[in-house]
Amino acid sequence: MIDPSKMTDECYLCHSSSKELRPYGANKQLICLGCLKSSPETKAEASRQFAELLGGHDGVSVIDGTGAPRRAEESERKMLEYYGLTTGEK
């Protein structure tokens, strides 16, 4: 579980206060999208952190209007694959 009291409002790598911060950095620290995509290592760490937040779910997931990630329905998975928006990793 993420402890909100330990979260800052900036990326732990570049210290940007971007609106696109996510808790997918090392040790669940906030990371901006630019830093997340900046290297294979940060991408891999983000994938690990995201999977942990999903409780070990290893399939395609989406975040809908509730703000919480959930397993994608078959039609959603097909659409995401069609547009190349999945990693292809399982």
PDB file of N, CA and C in Angstrom:
ATOM      1  N   MET A   1       0.841  -1.182   0.000  1.00  0.00           N
ATOM      2  CA  MET A   1       0.000   0.000   0.000  1.00  0.00           C
ATOM      3  C   MET A   1       0.884   1.243   0.000  1.00  0.00           C
ATOM      4  N   ILE A   2       0.458   2.241  -0.712  1.00  0.00           N
ATOM      5  CA  ILE A   2       1.212   3.486  -0.803  1.00  0.00           C
ATOM      6  C   ILE A   2       0.860   4.362   0.390  1.00  0.00           C
ATOM      7  N   ASP A   3       1.885   4.864   1.064  1.00  0.00           N
ATOM      8  CA  ASP A   3       1.684   5.746   2.203  1.00  0.00           C
ATOM      9  C   ASP A   3       1.639   7.183   1.699  1.00  0.00           C
ATOM     10  N   PRO A   4       0.443   7.810   1.636  1.00  0.00           N
ATOM     11  CA  PRO A   4       0.328   9.164   1.092  1.00  0.00           C
ATOM     12  C   PRO A   4       1.177  10.194   1.837  1.00  0.00           C
ATOM     13  N   SER A   5       1.439   9.965   3.101  1.00  0.00           N
ATOM     14  CA  SER A   5       2.224  10.941   3.868  1.00  0.00           C
ATOM     15  C   SER A   5       3.674  10.998   3.405  1.00  0.00           C
ATOM     16  N   LYS A   6       4.143   9.955   2.718  1.00  0.00           N
ATOM     17  CA  LYS A   6       5.523   9.920   2.251  1.00  0.00           C
ATOM     18  C   LYS A   6       5.660  10.332   0.793  1.00  0.00           C
ATOM     19  N   MET A   7       4.542  10.683   0.174  1.00  0.00           N
ATOM     20  CA  MET A   7       4.576  11.071  -1.224  1.00  0.00           C
ATOM     21  C   MET A   7       4.806  12.574  -1.340  1.00  0.00           C
ATOM     22  N   THR A   8       5.596  12.968  -2.332  1.00  0.00           N
ATOM     23  CA  THR A   8       5.798  14.379  -2.623  1.00  0.00           C
ATOM     24  C   THR A   8       4.970  14.710  -3.853  1.00  0.00           C
ATOM     25  N   ASP A   9       5.001  15.942  -4.262  1.00  0.00           N
ATOM     26  CA  ASP A   9       4.260  16.330  -5.454  1.00  0.00           C
ATOM     27  C   ASP A   9       5.183  16.557  -6.638  1.00  0.00           C
ATOM     28  N   GLU A  10       6.304  15.813  -6.643  1.00  0.00           N
ATOM     29  CA  GLU A  10       7.236  15.942  -7.756  1.00  0.00           C
ATOM     30  C   GLU A  10       7.854  14.595  -8.098  1.00  0.00           C
ATOM     31  N   CYS A  11       8.349  14.499  -9.326  1.00  0.00           N
ATOM     32  CA  CYS A  11       9.037  13.289  -9.802  1.00  0.00           C
ATOM     33  C   CYS A  11      10.319  13.085  -9.001  1.00  0.00           C
ATOM     34  N   TYR A  12      10.543  11.868  -8.550  1.00  0.00           N
ATOM     35  CA  TYR A  12      11.735  11.610  -7.743  1.00  0.00           C
ATOM     36  C   TYR A  12      13.022  11.665  -8.549  1.00  0.00           C
ATOM     37  N   LEU A  13      12.945  11.627  -9.883  1.00  0.00           N
ATOM     38  CA  LEU A  13      14.155  11.691 -10.711  1.00  0.00           C
ATOM     39  C   LEU A  13      14.460  13.112 -11.195  1.00  0.00           C
ATOM     40  N   CYS A  14      13.485  13.784 -11.815  1.00  0.00           N
ATOM     41  CA  CYS A  14      13.755  15.103 -12.400  1.00  0.00           C
ATOM     42  C   CYS A  14      13.185  16.247 -11.559  1.00  0.00           C
ATOM     43  N   HIS A  15      12.432  15.913 -10.530  1.00  0.00           N
ATOM     44  CA  HIS A  15      11.833  16.883  -9.608  1.00  0.00           C
ATOM     45  C   HIS A  15      10.794  17.781 -10.270  1.00  0.00           C
ATOM     46  N   SER A  16      10.249  17.345 -11.404  1.00  0.00           N
ATOM     47  CA  SER A  16       9.168  18.055 -12.072  1.00  0.00           C
ATOM     48  C   SER A  16       7.905  17.918 -11.243  1.00  0.00           C
ATOM     49  N   SER A  17       7.076  18.949 -11.270  1.00  0.00           N
ATOM     50  CA  SER A  17       5.789  18.867 -10.579  1.00  0.00           C
ATOM     51  C   SER A  17       4.659  18.649 -11.585  1.00  0.00           C
ATOM     52  N   SER A  18       4.940  17.842 -12.576  1.00  0.00           N
ATOM     53  CA  SER A  18       3.979  17.503 -13.628  1.00  0.00           C
ATOM     54  C   SER A  18       2.691  16.939 -13.055  1.00  0.00           C
ATOM     55  N   LYS A  19       1.595  17.139 -13.773  1.00  0.00           N
ATOM     56  CA  LYS A  19       0.316  16.552 -13.369  1.00  0.00           C
ATOM     57  C   LYS A  19       0.271  15.060 -13.658  1.00  0.00           C
ATOM     58  N   GLU A  20       1.211  14.565 -14.438  1.00  0.00           N
ATOM     59  CA  GLU A  20       1.223  13.166 -14.853  1.00  0.00           C
ATOM     60  C   GLU A  20       2.148  12.310 -13.995  1.00  0.00           C
ATOM     61  N   LEU A  21       2.120  12.501 -12.709  1.00  0.00           N
ATOM     62  CA  LEU A  21       2.941  11.710 -11.805  1.00  0.00           C
ATOM     63  C   LEU A  21       2.214  10.436 -11.416  1.00  0.00           C
ATOM     64  N   ARG A  22       2.955   9.345 -11.358  1.00  0.00           N
ATOM     65  CA  ARG A  22       2.393   8.048 -10.981  1.00  0.00           C
ATOM     66  C   ARG A  22       3.309   7.387  -9.955  1.00  0.00           C
ATOM     67  N   PRO A  23       2.777   6.549  -9.077  1.00  0.00           N
ATOM     68  CA  PRO A  23       3.606   5.898  -8.041  1.00  0.00           C
ATOM     69  C   PRO A  23       4.292   4.628  -8.541  1.00  0.00           C
ATOM     70  N   TYR A  24       4.929   4.700  -9.699  1.00  0.00           N
ATOM     71  CA  TYR A  24       5.524   3.516 -10.309  1.00  0.00           C
ATOM     72  C   TYR A  24       7.051   3.560 -10.298  1.00  0.00           C
ATOM     73  N   GLY A  25       7.639   4.526  -9.594  1.00  0.00           N
ATOM     74  CA  GLY A  25       9.090   4.598  -9.502  1.00  0.00           C
ATOM     75  C   GLY A  25       9.610   3.623  -8.456  1.00  0.00           C
ATOM     76  N   ALA A  26      10.924   3.600  -8.310  1.00  0.00           N
ATOM     77  CA  ALA A  26      11.543   2.732  -7.306  1.00  0.00           C
ATOM     78  C   ALA A  26      10.931   3.016  -5.938  1.00  0.00           C
ATOM     79  N   ASN A  27      10.629   1.959  -5.214  1.00  0.00           N
ATOM     80  CA  ASN A  27      10.007   2.078  -3.883  1.00  0.00           C
ATOM     81  C   ASN A  27       8.695   2.850  -3.915  1.00  0.00           C
ATOM     82  N   LYS A  28       7.985   2.759  -5.042  1.00  0.00           N
ATOM     83  CA  LYS A  28       6.682   3.401  -5.230  1.00  0.00           C
ATOM     84  C   LYS A  28       6.748   4.927  -5.197  1.00  0.00           C
ATOM     85  N   GLN A  29       7.924   5.481  -5.466  1.00  0.00           N
ATOM     86  CA  GLN A  29       8.050   6.931  -5.523  1.00  0.00           C
ATOM     87  C   GLN A  29       7.359   7.451  -6.781  1.00  0.00           C
ATOM     88  N   LEU A  30       6.911   8.698  -6.738  1.00  0.00           N
ATOM     89  CA  LEU A  30       6.258   9.297  -7.890  1.00  0.00           C
ATOM     90  C   LEU A  30       7.262   9.521  -9.008  1.00  0.00           C
ATOM     91  N   ILE A  31       6.823   9.222 -10.230  1.00  0.00           N
ATOM     92  CA  ILE A  31       7.669   9.399 -11.410  1.00  0.00           C
ATOM     93  C   ILE A  31       6.808  10.002 -12.516  1.00  0.00           C
ATOM     94  N   CYS A  32       7.402  10.921 -13.281  1.00  0.00           N
ATOM     95  CA  CYS A  32       6.665  11.526 -14.394  1.00  0.00           C
ATOM     96  C   CYS A  32       6.768  10.620 -15.619  1.00  0.00           C
ATOM     97  N   LEU A  33       5.883  10.842 -16.558  1.00  0.00           N
ATOM     98  CA  LEU A  33       5.844  10.004 -17.750  1.00  0.00           C
ATOM     99  C   LEU A  33       7.150  10.079 -18.539  1.00  0.00           C
ATOM    100  N   GLY A  34       7.747  11.276 -18.619  1.00  0.00           N
ATOM    101  CA  GLY A  34       8.998  11.426 -19.351  1.00  0.00           C
ATOM    102  C   GLY A  34      10.118  10.578 -18.769  1.00  0.00           C
ATOM    103  N   CYS A  35      10.258  10.609 -17.447  1.00  0.00           N
ATOM    104  CA  CYS A  35      11.309   9.806 -16.795  1.00  0.00           C
ATOM    105  C   CYS A  35      10.968   8.326 -16.854  1.00  0.00           C
ATOM    106  N   LEU A  36       9.689   7.997 -16.738  1.00  0.00           N
ATOM    107  CA  LEU A  36       9.276   6.598 -16.801  1.00  0.00           C
ATOM    108  C   LEU A  36       9.708   5.975 -18.119  1.00  0.00           C
ATOM    109  N   LYS A  37       9.574   6.720 -19.209  1.00  0.00           N
ATOM    110  CA  LYS A  37       9.904   6.203 -20.537  1.00  0.00           C
ATOM    111  C   LYS A  37      11.363   6.425 -20.924  1.00  0.00           C
ATOM    112  N   SER A  38      12.160   7.017 -20.031  1.00  0.00           N
ATOM    113  CA  SER A  38      13.510   7.438 -20.399  1.00  0.00           C
ATOM    114  C   SER A  38      14.520   6.303 -20.536  1.00  0.00           C
ATOM    115  N   SER A  39      14.268   5.154 -19.941  1.00  0.00           N
ATOM    116  CA  SER A  39      15.241   4.062 -20.055  1.00  0.00           C
ATOM    117  C   SER A  39      14.548   2.719 -19.886  1.00  0.00           C
ATOM    118  N   PRO A  40      15.162   1.666 -20.375  1.00  0.00           N
ATOM    119  CA  PRO A  40      14.591   0.330 -20.174  1.00  0.00           C
ATOM    120  C   PRO A  40      14.446  -0.013 -18.682  1.00  0.00           C
ATOM    121  N   GLU A  41      15.371   0.493 -17.864  1.00  0.00           N
ATOM    122  CA  GLU A  41      15.316   0.196 -16.429  1.00  0.00           C
ATOM    123  C   GLU A  41      14.112   0.847 -15.753  1.00  0.00           C
ATOM    124  N   THR A  42      13.844   2.119 -16.091  1.00  0.00           N
ATOM    125  CA  THR A  42      12.693   2.776 -15.463  1.00  0.00           C
ATOM    126  C   THR A  42      11.384   2.186 -15.981  1.00  0.00           C
ATOM    127  N   LYS A  43      11.357   1.786 -17.252  1.00  0.00           N
ATOM    128  CA  LYS A  43      10.163   1.125 -17.786  1.00  0.00           C
ATOM    129  C   LYS A  43       9.916  -0.203 -17.073  1.00  0.00           C
ATOM    130  N   ALA A  44      10.979  -0.971 -16.866  1.00  0.00           N
ATOM    131  CA  ALA A  44      10.848  -2.267 -16.195  1.00  0.00           C
ATOM    132  C   ALA A  44      10.404  -2.089 -14.749  1.00  0.00           C
ATOM    133  N   GLU A  45      10.972  -1.100 -14.058  1.00  0.00           N
ATOM    134  CA  GLU A  45      10.580  -0.842 -12.669  1.00  0.00           C
ATOM    135  C   GLU A  45       9.121  -0.412 -12.603  1.00  0.00           C
ATOM    136  N   ALA A  46       8.699   0.439 -13.532  1.00  0.00           N
ATOM    137  CA  ALA A  46       7.301   0.871 -13.562  1.00  0.00           C
ATOM    138  C   ALA A  46       6.374  -0.319 -13.790  1.00  0.00           C
ATOM    139  N   SER A  47       6.767  -1.225 -14.664  1.00  0.00           N
ATOM    140  CA  SER A  47       5.960  -2.426 -14.907  1.00  0.00           C
ATOM    141  C   SER A  47       5.856  -3.274 -13.652  1.00  0.00           C
ATOM    142  N   ARG A  48       6.965  -3.414 -12.928  1.00  0.00           N
ATOM    143  CA  ARG A  48       6.942  -4.186 -11.669  1.00  0.00           C
ATOM    144  C   ARG A  48       6.042  -3.526 -10.635  1.00  0.00           C
ATOM    145  N   GLN A  49       6.180  -2.214 -10.495  1.00  0.00           N
ATOM    146  CA  GLN A  49       5.371  -1.496  -9.505  1.00  0.00           C
ATOM    147  C   GLN A  49       3.885  -1.556  -9.863  1.00  0.00           C
ATOM    148  N   PHE A  50       3.571  -1.396 -11.149  1.00  0.00           N
ATOM    149  CA  PHE A  50       2.181  -1.452 -11.594  1.00  0.00           C
ATOM    150  C   PHE A  50       1.599  -2.834 -11.332  1.00  0.00           C
ATOM    151  N   ALA A  51       2.362  -3.882 -11.648  1.00  0.00           N
ATOM    152  CA  ALA A  51       1.892  -5.250 -11.407  1.00  0.00           C
ATOM    153  C   ALA A  51       1.649  -5.489  -9.921  1.00  0.00           C
ATOM    154  N   GLU A  52       2.516  -4.946  -9.085  1.00  0.00           N
ATOM    155  CA  GLU A  52       2.329  -5.105  -7.640  1.00  0.00           C
ATOM    156  C   GLU A  52       1.055  -4.404  -7.175  1.00  0.00           C
ATOM    157  N   LEU A  53       0.806  -3.214  -7.722  1.00  0.00           N
ATOM    158  CA  LEU A  53      -0.423  -2.496  -7.369  1.00  0.00           C
ATOM    159  C   LEU A  53      -1.669  -3.255  -7.818  1.00  0.00           C
ATOM    160  N   LEU A  54      -1.521  -4.039  -8.884  1.00  0.00           N
ATOM    161  CA  LEU A  54      -2.643  -4.837  -9.380  1.00  0.00           C
ATOM    162  C   LEU A  54      -2.773  -6.163  -8.645  1.00  0.00           C
ATOM    163  N   GLY A  55      -1.938  -6.383  -7.670  1.00  0.00           N
ATOM    164  CA  GLY A  55      -2.003  -7.626  -6.915  1.00  0.00           C
ATOM    165  C   GLY A  55      -1.469  -8.813  -7.680  1.00  0.00           C
ATOM    166  N   GLY A  56      -0.466  -8.579  -8.525  1.00  0.00           N
ATOM    167  CA  GLY A  56       0.151  -9.676  -9.256  1.00  0.00           C
ATOM    168  C   GLY A  56      -0.539 -10.027 -10.557  1.00  0.00           C
ATOM    169  N   HIS A  57      -1.578  -9.296 -10.934  1.00  0.00           N
ATOM    170  CA  HIS A  57      -2.256  -9.560 -12.207  1.00  0.00           C
ATOM    171  C   HIS A  57      -1.259  -9.376 -13.333  1.00  0.00           C
ATOM    172  N   ASP A  58      -1.132 -10.365 -14.218  1.00  0.00           N
ATOM    173  CA  ASP A  58      -0.122 -10.288 -15.267  1.00  0.00           C
ATOM    174  C   ASP A  58      -0.712 -10.144 -16.665  1.00  0.00           C
ATOM    175  N   GLY A  59      -1.968  -9.813 -16.764  1.00  0.00           N
ATOM    176  CA  GLY A  59      -2.586  -9.635 -18.063  1.00  0.00           C
ATOM    177  C   GLY A  59      -2.739  -8.170 -18.406  1.00  0.00           C
ATOM    178  N   VAL A  60      -3.560  -7.882 -19.395  1.00  0.00           N
ATOM    179  CA  VAL A  60      -3.814  -6.510 -19.817  1.00  0.00           C
ATOM    180  C   VAL A  60      -4.773  -5.867 -18.833  1.00  0.00           C
ATOM    181  N   SER A  61      -4.441  -4.657 -18.389  1.00  0.00           N
ATOM    182  CA  SER A  61      -5.262  -3.934 -17.432  1.00  0.00           C
ATOM    183  C   SER A  61      -5.595  -2.560 -17.972  1.00  0.00           C
ATOM    184  N   VAL A  62      -6.661  -1.987 -17.463  1.00  0.00           N
ATOM    185  CA  VAL A  62      -7.064  -0.634 -17.820  1.00  0.00           C
ATOM    186  C   VAL A  62      -7.403   0.121 -16.540  1.00  0.00           C
ATOM    187  N   ILE A  63      -7.368   1.440 -16.641  1.00  0.00           N
ATOM    188  CA  ILE A  63      -7.827   2.286 -15.544  1.00  0.00           C
ATOM    189  C   ILE A  63      -9.013   3.047 -16.094  1.00  0.00           C
ATOM    190  N   ASP A  64     -10.162   2.843 -15.474  1.00  0.00           N
ATOM    191  CA  ASP A  64     -11.368   3.472 -15.992  1.00  0.00           C
ATOM    192  C   ASP A  64     -11.764   4.667 -15.133  1.00  0.00           C
ATOM    193  N   GLY A  65     -12.996   5.091 -15.221  1.00  0.00           N
ATOM    194  CA  GLY A  65     -13.491   6.266 -14.515  1.00  0.00           C
ATOM    195  C   GLY A  65     -13.381   6.202 -13.008  1.00  0.00           C
ATOM    196  N   THR A  66     -13.203   5.010 -12.449  1.00  0.00           N
ATOM    197  CA  THR A  66     -13.080   4.895 -11.000  1.00  0.00           C
ATOM    198  C   THR A  66     -11.679   5.263 -10.526  1.00  0.00           C
ATOM    199  N   GLY A  67     -10.707   5.284 -11.432  1.00  0.00           N
ATOM    200  CA  GLY A  67      -9.334   5.591 -11.082  1.00  0.00           C
ATOM    201  C   GLY A  67      -8.540   4.393 -10.613  1.00  0.00           C
ATOM    202  N   ALA A  68      -9.181   3.243 -10.516  1.00  0.00           N
ATOM    203  CA  ALA A  68      -8.494   2.034 -10.052  1.00  0.00           C
ATOM    204  C   ALA A  68      -8.237   1.094 -11.226  1.00  0.00           C
ATOM    205  N   PRO A  69      -7.053   0.488 -11.288  1.00  0.00           N
ATOM    206  CA  PRO A  69      -6.790  -0.464 -12.368  1.00  0.00           C
ATOM    207  C   PRO A  69      -7.624  -1.725 -12.207  1.00  0.00           C
ATOM    208  N   ARG A  70      -7.996  -2.297 -13.336  1.00  0.00           N
ATOM    209  CA  ARG A  70      -8.754  -3.549 -13.331  1.00  0.00           C
ATOM    210  C   ARG A  70      -8.369  -4.338 -14.569  1.00  0.00           C
ATOM    211  N   ARG A  71      -8.679  -5.639 -14.526  1.00  0.00           N
ATOM    212  CA  ARG A  71      -8.424  -6.500 -15.682  1.00  0.00           C
ATOM    213  C   ARG A  71      -9.275  -6.021 -16.858  1.00  0.00           C
ATOM    214  N   ALA A  72      -8.646  -5.909 -18.026  1.00  0.00           N
ATOM    215  CA  ALA A  72      -9.366  -5.486 -19.223  1.00  0.00           C
ATOM    216  C   ALA A  72     -10.326  -6.580 -19.675  1.00  0.00           C
ATOM    217  N   GLU A  73     -11.485  -6.156 -20.125  1.00  0.00           N
ATOM    218  CA  GLU A  73     -12.425  -7.102 -20.726  1.00  0.00           C
ATOM    219  C   GLU A  73     -11.880  -7.490 -22.097  1.00  0.00           C
ATOM    220  N   GLU A  74     -12.353  -8.594 -22.621  1.00  0.00           N
ATOM    221  CA  GLU A  74     -11.834  -9.113 -23.899  1.00  0.00           C
ATOM    222  C   GLU A  74     -11.901  -8.066 -25.009  1.00  0.00           C
ATOM    223  N   SER A  75     -13.015  -7.336 -25.127  1.00  0.00           N
ATOM    224  CA  SER A  75     -13.142  -6.330 -26.181  1.00  0.00           C
ATOM    225  C   SER A  75     -12.138  -5.192 -25.981  1.00  0.00           C
ATOM    226  N   GLU A  76     -11.891  -4.799 -24.734  1.00  0.00           N
ATOM    227  CA  GLU A  76     -10.912  -3.754 -24.451  1.00  0.00           C
ATOM    228  C   GLU A  76      -9.507  -4.235 -24.783  1.00  0.00           C
ATOM    229  N   ARG A  77      -9.193  -5.481 -24.416  1.00  0.00           N
ATOM    230  CA  ARG A  77      -7.874  -6.045 -24.691  1.00  0.00           C
ATOM    231  C   ARG A  77      -7.608  -6.070 -26.192  1.00  0.00           C
ATOM    232  N   LYS A  78      -8.604  -6.504 -26.977  1.00  0.00           N
ATOM    233  CA  LYS A  78      -8.439  -6.565 -28.436  1.00  0.00           C
ATOM    234  C   LYS A  78      -8.203  -5.180 -29.020  1.00  0.00           C
ATOM    235  N   MET A  79      -8.935  -4.175 -28.528  1.00  0.00           N
ATOM    236  CA  MET A  79      -8.759  -2.814 -29.024  1.00  0.00           C
ATOM    237  C   MET A  79      -7.368  -2.298 -28.682  1.00  0.00           C
ATOM    238  N   LEU A  80      -6.911  -2.532 -27.456  1.00  0.00           N
ATOM    239  CA  LEU A  80      -5.581  -2.080 -27.049  1.00  0.00           C
ATOM    240  C   LEU A  80      -4.494  -2.765 -27.869  1.00  0.00           C
ATOM    241  N   GLU A  81      -4.646  -4.044 -28.132  1.00  0.00           N
ATOM    242  CA  GLU A  81      -3.673  -4.765 -28.954  1.00  0.00           C
ATOM    243  C   GLU A  81      -3.682  -4.246 -30.387  1.00  0.00           C
ATOM    244  N   TYR A  82      -4.873  -3.973 -30.919  1.00  0.00           N
ATOM    245  CA  TYR A  82      -5.000  -3.455 -32.281  1.00  0.00           C
ATOM    246  C   TYR A  82      -4.216  -2.155 -32.449  1.00  0.00           C
ATOM    247  N   TYR A  83      -4.321  -1.281 -31.458  1.00  0.00           N
ATOM    248  CA  TYR A  83      -3.640   0.021 -31.529  1.00  0.00           C
ATOM    249  C   TYR A  83      -2.203  -0.053 -30.994  1.00  0.00           C
ATOM    250  N   GLY A  84      -1.732  -1.234 -30.644  1.00  0.00           N
ATOM    251  CA  GLY A  84      -0.364  -1.383 -30.179  1.00  0.00           C
ATOM    252  C   GLY A  84      -0.109  -0.796 -28.808  1.00  0.00           C
ATOM    253  N   LEU A  85      -1.117  -0.793 -27.965  1.00  0.00           N
ATOM    254  CA  LEU A  85      -1.008  -0.166 -26.646  1.00  0.00           C
ATOM    255  C   LEU A  85      -0.785  -1.168 -25.520  1.00  0.00           C
ATOM    256  N   THR A  86      -0.328  -2.361 -25.869  1.00  0.00           N
ATOM    257  CA  THR A  86       0.041  -3.336 -24.842  1.00  0.00           C
ATOM    258  C   THR A  86       1.512  -3.652 -24.999  1.00  0.00           C
ATOM    259  N   THR A  87       2.118  -4.167 -23.951  1.00  0.00           N
ATOM    260  CA  THR A  87       3.539  -4.473 -24.003  1.00  0.00           C
ATOM    261  C   THR A  87       3.800  -5.820 -24.648  1.00  0.00           C
ATOM    262  N   GLY A  88       2.778  -6.667 -24.699  1.00  0.00           N
ATOM    263  CA  GLY A  88       2.967  -8.005 -25.231  1.00  0.00           C
ATOM    264  C   GLY A  88       3.579  -8.943 -24.214  1.00  0.00           C
ATOM    265  N   GLU A  89       3.886  -8.414 -23.028  1.00  0.00           N
ATOM    266  CA  GLU A  89       4.471  -9.230 -21.972  1.00  0.00           C
ATOM    267  C   GLU A  89       3.368  -9.844 -21.124  1.00  0.00           C
ATOM    268  N   LYS A  90       3.621 -11.047 -20.638  1.00  0.00           N
ATOM    269  CA  LYS A  90       2.654 -11.715 -19.763  1.00  0.00           C
ATOM    270  C   LYS A  90       3.357 -12.172 -18.529  1.00  0.00           C
TER     271      LYS A  90
END
